[in-house]
Amino acid sequence: MSHTNQRIDGKRLWDALMSFAEIGATPKGGVRRLTLTDVDKRARDKFKAECEAMGLTVRVDAIGNMFARRPGRDPHRAPVLFGSHLDSQPSGGKFDGALGVIAGLEVMRSLNDLNITTEAPLELINWTDEEGSRFGHSLMGSGVWAGIFTLDKAYGLTDTEGTTVATALDQIGYRGPEPAAPYAADAYFELHIEQGPFLEREHKQIGIVTGAQAQVWYDIVTTGQDSHAGTTPPSTRKDALVAAARIIEAVDRIMRARGDDGRGTVGQLQVFPNSRNVVPGEVRFSAEFRHPSMDEVNRMDEEFQAEARRLAEKDGVQLDLTVLFRIPAQPFDKSCVDLVRQGAAKLGYTTREIVSGAGHDAVYVARHVPTAMIFTPCKDGLSHNELESIQPEEAEAGCQVLFEAVVARANRTL
């Protein structure tokens, strides 16, 4: 493997990952760091303190996104951004999101150690509420920043206790004075675990992420008639759950028809009245499709809506199907993707091109700033789970590629 003389410190990176993982640690070895809670505040405070100890300037915007700036030689140049998120799922792992932020800290530390001043300034970002598990809206911080939805809409979202985002930000002291809006930036790089099986399965060290999948999400309600399980014969039944089950099966069938590129999932299901001796009268459930091609997502959507209507009609139940949103496929910037490719090649890492199956802050940032992502493998492709796991050398490789890409972009000739 060819070595550059500019190396990040893999052990220091791993120690930092383990140190942050103590904040909100769960008995099974994961983390529970829900956005804008006291636990999230502890992670934010630690992030801020470590940045300031390195001489970085930290500012916070109105939705709580944190930006840590390292000056460049040319203060007029637009900064190169990199980062991810520190919040987690309710029973999340140590690496989802955190890897990108903590590797960013290591990039900054290494630049200080090596006494390197880049031409352009650098900014490391911790985005607010990427996961969406507390307030029900994922990619909140990057979404508000990118203008996908308004600050007022975000402020008004509530958790199950009725606490609003605005109140939660104030409670932990992270409603910042800066506007949550895009500013002139040269590029954005995000390092993340793959959250899927391909890199590990193919023994590749680095995923070169070329873009993110198109998605369509639905809320669905089937309404029949709740009635006595013992006295209602088949001829008069209007079973909302049976109809829902047939529609759920259709989601799976439509997905599998696309081979390994298709995704179709029903993750939420509520049955009413949810009694064992009552024929269910109403079922509420979610559905979503994803695919690298927007055209294919549109075809899945058409096929599904027609099939769902047909099945509901056949079972004599009413169908209420709402499209929550469509996210077009988001290709990443070719020149930024190339820097990731070049960095990995220079270091002799094995690579694979990959389209991200998950939504990431990078997907929204990419609408305003040239963007690329770097993936590292994770054990069994498992994520959003306490058993999520990566190897120290995998984290080090990802961080080293991040370092190469960020420095190359910040020092590019304009």
Protein backbone atom coordinates (compact mmCIF):
# COMPACT_ATOMS: atom_id res chain seq x y z
CA MET A 1 0.00 0.00 0.00
CA SER A 2 1.41 3.37 -0.95
CA HIS A 3 1.57 5.71 2.03
CA THR A 4 1.35 9.46 2.02
CA ASN A 5 3.28 11.27 4.71
CA GLN A 6 0.04 12.82 5.90
CA ARG A 7 -1.66 10.24 8.11
CA ILE A 8 -4.54 10.59 10.50
CA ASP A 9 -4.13 8.78 13.85
CA GLY A 10 -6.28 5.64 13.72
CA LYS A 11 -5.95 4.84 17.40
CA ARG A 12 -6.89 8.37 18.43
CA LEU A 13 -9.91 8.21 16.11
CA TRP A 14 -11.04 4.90 17.64
CA ASP A 15 -10.57 6.20 21.19
CA ALA A 16 -12.68 9.26 20.32
CA LEU A 17 -15.41 7.04 18.82
CA MET A 18 -15.48 4.95 22.02
CA SER A 19 -15.44 8.06 24.20
CA PHE A 20 -18.48 9.58 22.42
CA ALA A 21 -20.20 6.16 22.56
CA GLU A 22 -20.26 6.45 26.37
CA ILE A 23 -22.74 9.33 26.00
CA GLY A 24 -26.09 7.56 25.97
CA ALA A 25 -24.52 4.09 26.09
CA THR A 26 -27.00 1.18 26.27
CA PRO A 27 -26.47 -2.14 28.09
CA LYS A 28 -26.28 -3.99 24.75
CA GLY A 29 -23.40 -1.83 23.52
CA GLY A 30 -25.33 0.68 21.41
CA VAL A 31 -26.33 4.27 22.06
CA ARG A 32 -29.59 6.05 22.75
CA ARG A 33 -28.95 9.69 21.95
CA LEU A 34 -32.28 11.12 20.88
CA THR A 35 -32.09 14.55 19.32
CA LEU A 36 -32.34 17.64 21.57
CA THR A 37 -32.41 15.62 24.80
CA ASP A 38 -29.98 16.09 27.70
CA VAL A 39 -27.93 13.19 26.28
CA ASP A 40 -27.69 14.95 22.91
CA LYS A 41 -26.70 18.13 24.78
CA ARG A 42 -23.81 16.22 26.41
CA ALA A 43 -22.58 15.02 23.00
CA ARG A 44 -22.94 18.54 21.56
CA ASP A 45 -21.12 20.11 24.51
CA LYS A 46 -18.26 17.61 24.14
CA PHE A 47 -18.09 18.26 20.38
CA LYS A 48 -18.02 22.04 20.97
CA ALA A 49 -15.37 21.78 23.70
CA GLU A 50 -13.12 19.57 21.57
CA CYS A 51 -13.44 21.90 18.58
CA GLU A 52 -12.66 24.97 20.67
CA ALA A 53 -9.69 23.23 22.29
CA MET A 54 -8.29 22.81 18.76
CA GLY A 55 -8.71 26.52 18.03
CA LEU A 56 -11.81 26.13 15.83
CA THR A 57 -14.63 28.69 15.94
CA VAL A 58 -18.01 27.09 16.62
CA ARG A 59 -21.27 28.72 15.60
CA VAL A 60 -24.81 27.38 15.95
CA ASP A 61 -27.75 28.18 13.70
CA ALA A 62 -31.45 28.58 14.48
CA ILE A 63 -32.21 24.85 14.14
CA GLY A 64 -29.18 23.85 16.22
CA ASN A 65 -26.82 22.79 13.43
CA MET A 66 -23.22 23.26 14.63
CA PHE A 67 -20.42 24.55 12.38
CA ALA A 68 -16.77 24.41 13.51
CA ARG A 69 -14.50 26.54 11.32
CA ARG A 70 -10.77 26.27 10.73
CA PRO A 71 -9.37 29.27 8.82
CA GLY A 72 -7.71 28.83 5.44
CA ARG A 73 -4.86 30.80 3.96
CA ASP A 74 -7.36 32.67 1.77
CA PRO A 75 -10.26 33.98 3.92
CA HIS A 76 -12.19 34.97 0.77
CA ARG A 77 -12.48 31.40 -0.47
CA ALA A 78 -15.68 29.47 0.17
CA PRO A 79 -15.15 26.80 2.85
CA VAL A 80 -14.99 23.05 2.27
CA LEU A 81 -17.60 21.42 4.51
CA PHE A 82 -17.68 17.93 5.98
CA GLY A 83 -19.61 16.25 8.79
CA SER A 84 -22.65 14.15 9.71
CA HIS A 85 -24.80 13.82 12.86
CA LEU A 86 -24.43 12.85 16.54
CA ASP A 87 -28.08 11.97 17.27
CA SER A 88 -29.17 8.32 17.18
CA GLN A 89 -32.13 6.01 16.83
CA PRO A 90 -33.87 4.99 20.12
CA SER A 91 -31.77 1.80 20.10
CA GLY A 92 -29.02 2.87 17.74
CA GLY A 93 -25.38 1.96 17.25
CA LYS A 94 -22.13 3.73 18.02
CA PHE A 95 -21.23 4.61 14.42
CA ASP A 96 -24.29 5.72 12.42
CA GLY A 97 -23.71 9.46 11.98
CA ALA A 98 -21.15 9.72 14.78
CA LEU A 99 -18.40 8.27 12.58
CA GLY A 100 -18.65 11.20 10.15
CA VAL A 101 -18.52 13.85 12.89
CA ILE A 102 -15.78 12.22 14.97
CA ALA A 103 -13.67 11.40 11.89
CA GLY A 104 -14.08 15.11 11.09
CA LEU A 105 -12.60 15.96 14.49
CA GLU A 106 -9.68 13.63 13.71
CA VAL A 107 -9.12 15.32 10.33
CA MET A 108 -8.93 18.70 12.13
CA ARG A 109 -6.57 17.29 14.81
CA SER A 110 -4.29 15.78 12.17
CA LEU A 111 -4.13 19.05 10.24
CA ASN A 112 -3.09 20.79 13.47
CA ASP A 113 -0.48 18.08 14.22
CA LEU A 114 0.92 18.29 10.69
CA ASN A 115 0.85 22.08 10.83
CA ILE A 116 -1.08 22.27 7.56
CA THR A 117 -3.01 25.37 6.56
CA THR A 118 -5.35 24.67 3.66
CA GLU A 119 -6.00 27.36 1.03
CA ALA A 120 -9.76 27.37 1.67
CA PRO A 121 -11.26 27.41 5.17
CA LEU A 122 -12.72 24.13 6.48
CA GLU A 123 -15.97 23.66 8.37
CA LEU A 124 -16.99 20.55 10.29
CA ILE A 125 -20.75 20.18 10.77
CA ASN A 126 -22.92 18.37 13.29
CA TRP A 127 -26.42 18.40 11.76
CA THR A 128 -29.47 18.45 14.07
CA ASP A 129 -31.87 15.49 14.13
CA GLU A 130 -30.85 13.45 11.12
CA GLU A 131 -32.67 10.39 12.43
CA GLY A 132 -36.15 11.88 12.91
CA SER A 133 -36.95 9.36 15.64
CA ARG A 134 -38.08 11.87 18.26
CA PHE A 135 -40.07 14.44 16.24
CA GLY A 136 -40.98 12.24 13.27
CA HIS A 137 -39.12 14.24 10.61
CA SER A 138 -35.76 12.88 9.51
CA LEU A 139 -33.01 15.12 8.07
CA MET A 140 -34.50 18.02 10.02
CA GLY A 141 -31.42 20.20 10.47
CA SER A 142 -30.08 19.77 6.95
CA GLY A 143 -33.65 20.01 5.59
CA VAL A 144 -34.28 23.40 7.18
CA TRP A 145 -30.79 24.58 6.21
CA ALA A 146 -31.35 23.51 2.59
CA GLY A 147 -34.80 25.14 2.47
CA ILE A 148 -36.65 21.85 1.99
CA PHE A 149 -39.07 22.94 4.71
CA THR A 150 -39.38 26.04 6.85
CA LEU A 151 -37.92 26.79 10.24
CA ASP A 152 -41.43 27.48 11.56
CA LYS A 153 -42.62 24.07 10.44
CA ALA A 154 -39.65 22.43 12.19
CA TYR A 155 -40.13 24.50 15.36
CA GLY A 156 -43.76 23.38 15.58
CA LEU A 157 -43.08 19.62 15.37
CA THR A 158 -43.76 17.79 18.65
CA ASP A 159 -42.56 14.59 20.29
CA THR A 160 -44.92 12.08 21.95
CA GLU A 161 -44.86 14.16 25.18
CA GLY A 162 -45.99 17.26 23.27
CA THR A 163 -42.63 19.06 23.52
CA THR A 164 -41.97 21.20 20.45
CA VAL A 165 -38.64 21.38 18.64
CA ALA A 166 -38.38 25.08 19.56
CA THR A 167 -38.84 24.30 23.27
CA ALA A 168 -36.41 21.37 23.12
CA LEU A 169 -33.75 23.54 21.46
CA ASP A 170 -34.18 26.15 24.20
CA GLN A 171 -34.11 23.52 26.96
CA ILE A 172 -30.66 22.35 25.90
CA GLY A 173 -29.44 25.83 24.91
CA TYR A 174 -28.88 25.11 21.23
CA ARG A 175 -31.24 27.48 19.45
CA GLY A 176 -28.43 29.46 17.83
CA PRO A 177 -28.38 33.03 16.52
CA GLU A 178 -27.13 32.18 12.99
CA PRO A 179 -29.72 31.87 10.18
CA ALA A 180 -30.42 28.25 9.20
CA ALA A 181 -29.84 28.79 5.49
CA PRO A 182 -27.32 27.84 2.81
CA TYR A 183 -24.21 29.98 2.48
CA ALA A 184 -21.48 29.97 -0.14
CA ALA A 185 -19.57 26.70 0.28
CA ASP A 186 -17.16 24.99 -2.08
CA ALA A 187 -18.00 21.33 -1.36
CA TYR A 188 -19.41 18.93 1.23
CA PHE A 189 -18.07 15.48 2.12
CA GLU A 190 -19.78 13.00 4.42
CA LEU A 191 -18.24 9.79 5.76
CA HIS A 192 -20.78 7.20 6.89
CA ILE A 193 -21.10 3.49 7.52
CA GLU A 194 -22.73 1.74 4.58
CA GLN A 195 -25.70 0.40 6.61
CA GLY A 196 -25.93 -2.38 4.03
CA PRO A 197 -24.15 -5.62 3.16
CA PHE A 198 -22.35 -4.97 -0.14
CA LEU A 199 -18.90 -3.71 0.94
CA GLU A 200 -18.48 -6.46 3.53
CA ARG A 201 -19.84 -9.16 1.21
CA GLU A 202 -17.42 -8.13 -1.56
CA HIS A 203 -14.46 -7.47 0.80
CA LYS A 204 -14.15 -3.82 -0.24
CA GLN A 205 -12.69 -1.22 2.12
CA ILE A 206 -14.31 1.94 0.73
CA GLY A 207 -17.65 2.69 -0.90
CA ILE A 208 -17.52 5.50 -3.47
CA VAL A 209 -21.04 6.88 -3.21
CA THR A 210 -22.27 8.23 -6.54
CA GLY A 211 -25.69 9.39 -5.33
CA ALA A 212 -28.80 8.48 -3.37
CA GLN A 213 -31.91 6.53 -4.29
CA ALA A 214 -35.23 8.01 -5.32
CA GLN A 215 -38.00 7.42 -2.76
CA VAL A 216 -41.77 7.63 -2.40
CA TRP A 217 -43.48 7.35 1.03
CA TYR A 218 -47.15 6.76 1.86
CA ASP A 219 -49.59 6.79 4.74
CA ILE A 220 -52.37 4.25 4.17
CA VAL A 221 -55.66 3.58 5.96
CA THR A 222 -57.98 0.67 5.21
CA THR A 223 -61.45 1.08 6.74
CA GLY A 224 -63.89 -1.81 7.00
CA GLN A 225 -66.31 -2.67 9.77
CA ASP A 226 -65.32 -3.86 13.24
CA SER A 227 -67.61 -6.70 14.27
CA HIS A 228 -67.79 -9.78 16.50
CA ALA A 229 -65.23 -12.44 15.55
CA GLY A 230 -67.62 -15.26 16.50
CA THR A 231 -70.82 -14.07 14.89
CA THR A 232 -69.67 -12.40 11.64
CA PRO A 233 -69.69 -14.88 8.70
CA PRO A 234 -67.29 -14.54 5.76
CA SER A 235 -70.08 -13.24 3.51
CA THR A 236 -70.62 -10.09 5.61
CA ARG A 237 -67.07 -9.41 6.77
CA LYS A 238 -65.27 -6.19 5.93
CA ASP A 239 -61.90 -7.02 7.47
CA ALA A 240 -59.56 -4.02 7.27
CA LEU A 241 -56.56 -6.10 8.37
CA VAL A 242 -56.96 -8.79 5.72
CA ALA A 243 -57.11 -6.05 3.06
CA ALA A 244 -54.04 -4.38 4.58
CA ALA A 245 -52.19 -7.72 4.60
CA ARG A 246 -52.87 -8.21 0.89
CA ILE A 247 -51.64 -4.66 0.17
CA ILE A 248 -48.49 -5.27 2.28
CA GLU A 249 -47.82 -8.43 0.29
CA ALA A 250 -48.10 -6.33 -2.88
CA VAL A 251 -45.40 -3.96 -1.58
CA ASP A 252 -43.05 -6.93 -1.20
CA ARG A 253 -44.00 -8.37 -4.60
CA ILE A 254 -43.45 -5.04 -6.42
CA MET A 255 -40.06 -4.67 -4.70
CA ARG A 256 -38.87 -8.20 -5.56
CA ALA A 257 -39.77 -7.73 -9.23
CA ARG A 258 -36.88 -5.19 -9.36
CA GLY A 259 -34.19 -7.61 -8.18
CA ASP A 260 -31.50 -6.34 -5.81
CA ASP A 261 -32.05 -2.68 -6.77
CA GLY A 262 -35.65 -2.51 -5.54
CA ARG A 263 -36.73 -1.54 -2.04
CA GLY A 264 -40.26 -1.74 -0.65
CA THR A 265 -41.11 -1.64 3.05
CA VAL A 266 -44.02 -1.45 5.43
CA GLY A 267 -42.56 -0.52 8.82
CA GLN A 268 -45.53 0.76 10.82
CA LEU A 269 -48.88 -0.90 11.42
CA GLN A 270 -51.71 0.01 13.80
CA VAL A 271 -54.80 -2.17 14.10
CA PHE A 272 -58.09 -0.88 15.55
CA PRO A 273 -59.75 -1.76 17.83
CA ASN A 274 -56.89 -4.25 18.34
CA SER A 275 -58.94 -6.78 20.25
CA ARG A 276 -58.49 -10.51 19.72
CA ASN A 277 -62.19 -11.26 19.28
CA VAL A 278 -63.09 -8.33 17.04
CA VAL A 279 -62.76 -8.28 13.24
CA PRO A 280 -60.48 -5.24 12.69
CA GLY A 281 -62.41 -2.21 11.39
CA GLU A 282 -59.45 0.06 10.66
CA VAL A 283 -55.77 -0.38 9.92
CA ARG A 284 -53.25 2.43 9.54
CA PHE A 285 -49.85 1.64 8.04
CA SER A 286 -46.85 3.12 6.25
CA ALA A 287 -45.34 2.04 2.95
CA GLU A 288 -42.36 3.22 0.93
CA PHE A 289 -40.47 2.35 -2.24
CA ARG A 290 -36.90 3.23 -3.21
CA HIS A 291 -34.77 2.64 -6.30
CA PRO A 292 -31.70 4.30 -7.86
CA SER A 293 -33.91 5.39 -10.79
CA MET A 294 -36.73 7.92 -10.34
CA ASP A 295 -38.47 6.48 -13.41
CA GLU A 296 -38.51 3.08 -11.73
CA VAL A 297 -39.85 4.58 -8.49
CA ASN A 298 -42.61 6.25 -10.50
CA ARG A 299 -43.46 2.90 -12.11
CA MET A 300 -43.53 1.17 -8.71
CA ASP A 301 -45.76 3.97 -7.41
CA GLU A 302 -48.26 3.64 -10.29
CA GLU A 303 -48.32 -0.14 -10.04
CA PHE A 304 -48.77 -0.04 -6.27
CA GLN A 305 -51.55 2.54 -6.20
CA ALA A 306 -53.54 0.62 -8.82
CA GLU A 307 -52.97 -2.70 -7.04
CA ALA A 308 -53.87 -1.29 -3.61
CA ARG A 309 -57.15 0.11 -4.98
CA ARG A 310 -57.97 -3.20 -6.66
CA LEU A 311 -57.31 -5.22 -3.49
CA ALA A 312 -59.29 -2.87 -1.24
CA GLU A 313 -62.25 -2.96 -3.61
CA LYS A 314 -62.13 -6.75 -3.80
CA ASP A 315 -62.28 -6.98 0.00
CA GLY A 316 -65.04 -4.36 0.23
CA VAL A 317 -63.06 -1.93 2.34
CA GLN A 318 -62.38 1.77 1.89
CA LEU A 319 -58.83 2.81 1.01
CA ASP A 320 -57.27 6.13 1.95
CA LEU A 321 -53.80 6.41 0.39
CA THR A 322 -51.74 9.58 0.90
CA VAL A 323 -48.39 10.23 -0.77
CA LEU A 324 -46.28 11.86 1.98
CA PHE A 325 -43.39 12.82 -0.27
CA ARG A 326 -41.28 11.89 -3.25
CA ILE A 327 -37.55 12.41 -3.14
CA PRO A 328 -35.93 12.37 -6.58
CA ALA A 329 -32.71 10.43 -7.05
CA GLN A 330 -29.87 12.74 -6.01
CA PRO A 331 -26.68 12.28 -8.01
CA PHE A 332 -23.54 13.53 -6.27
CA ASP A 333 -21.05 15.93 -7.82
CA LYS A 334 -18.72 14.18 -10.26
CA SER A 335 -15.62 16.18 -9.32
CA CYS A 336 -16.17 15.55 -5.59
CA VAL A 337 -16.85 11.84 -6.19
CA ASP A 338 -13.61 11.78 -8.21
CA LEU A 339 -11.66 13.15 -5.24
CA VAL A 340 -12.97 10.28 -3.11
CA ARG A 341 -12.02 7.82 -5.85
CA GLN A 342 -8.53 9.36 -6.19
CA GLY A 343 -7.98 9.43 -2.44
CA ALA A 344 -8.86 5.75 -2.09
CA ALA A 345 -6.68 4.82 -5.09
CA LYS A 346 -3.72 6.80 -3.76
CA LEU A 347 -3.99 4.88 -0.47
CA GLY A 348 -4.35 1.52 -2.21
CA TYR A 349 -7.80 0.75 -0.77
CA THR A 350 -10.18 -1.61 -2.54
CA THR A 351 -13.37 0.18 -3.60
CA ARG A 352 -16.85 -0.27 -4.98
CA GLU A 353 -19.21 2.31 -6.44
CA ILE A 354 -22.49 2.40 -4.57
CA VAL A 355 -25.81 4.24 -4.60
CA SER A 356 -26.91 5.13 -1.07
CA GLY A 357 -30.03 3.26 0.01
CA ALA A 358 -30.53 5.53 3.01
CA GLY A 359 -31.31 9.22 3.17
CA HIS A 360 -28.42 11.28 4.55
CA ASP A 361 -27.86 14.96 5.29
CA ALA A 362 -25.64 14.91 2.19
CA VAL A 363 -28.72 14.33 0.01
CA TYR A 364 -30.22 17.70 1.00
CA VAL A 365 -26.89 19.55 1.15
CA ALA A 366 -26.23 18.35 -2.43
CA ARG A 367 -29.05 20.59 -3.67
CA HIS A 368 -26.88 23.65 -2.86
CA VAL A 369 -23.28 22.47 -2.56
CA PRO A 370 -21.19 20.04 -4.66
CA THR A 371 -21.31 16.87 -2.54
CA ALA A 372 -19.87 13.37 -2.22
CA MET A 373 -20.06 10.57 0.35
CA ILE A 374 -17.64 7.91 1.53
CA PHE A 375 -18.89 4.59 2.94
CA THR A 376 -17.10 2.15 5.21
CA PRO A 377 -18.28 -1.46 5.62
CA CYS A 378 -20.26 -2.46 8.71
CA LYS A 379 -20.68 -5.95 10.14
CA ASP A 380 -23.50 -7.94 8.52
CA GLY A 381 -24.75 -4.69 6.95
CA LEU A 382 -26.54 -4.06 10.25
CA SER A 383 -27.49 -0.54 11.35
CA HIS A 384 -30.19 1.26 13.38
CA ASN A 385 -29.38 -1.50 15.86
CA GLU A 386 -27.31 -1.68 19.05
CA LEU A 387 -25.16 -4.43 17.55
CA GLU A 388 -24.01 -2.14 14.72
CA SER A 389 -20.28 -2.70 14.43
CA ILE A 390 -17.23 -1.72 12.38
CA GLN A 391 -13.52 -2.51 12.73
CA PRO A 392 -10.97 0.12 13.86
CA GLU A 393 -9.05 -0.23 10.58
CA GLU A 394 -12.28 0.33 8.60
CA ALA A 395 -12.90 3.58 10.50
CA GLU A 396 -9.28 4.59 9.93
CA ALA A 397 -9.48 3.92 6.17
CA GLY A 398 -12.67 5.95 5.84
CA CYS A 399 -11.21 8.83 7.82
CA GLN A 400 -7.98 8.79 5.78
CA VAL A 401 -9.98 9.01 2.52
CA LEU A 402 -12.04 11.86 4.02
CA PHE A 403 -8.78 13.64 4.91
CA GLU A 404 -7.44 13.21 1.35
CA ALA A 405 -10.64 14.44 -0.31
CA VAL A 406 -11.13 17.45 1.97
CA VAL A 407 -7.52 18.62 1.74
CA ALA A 408 -7.37 18.11 -2.05
CA ARG A 409 -10.59 20.12 -2.51
CA ALA A 410 -9.50 22.88 -0.12
CA ASN A 411 -6.13 23.22 -1.88
CA ARG A 412 -7.44 23.04 -5.45
CA THR A 413 -6.33 25.66 -7.93
CA LEU A 414 -9.20 28.00 -8.71
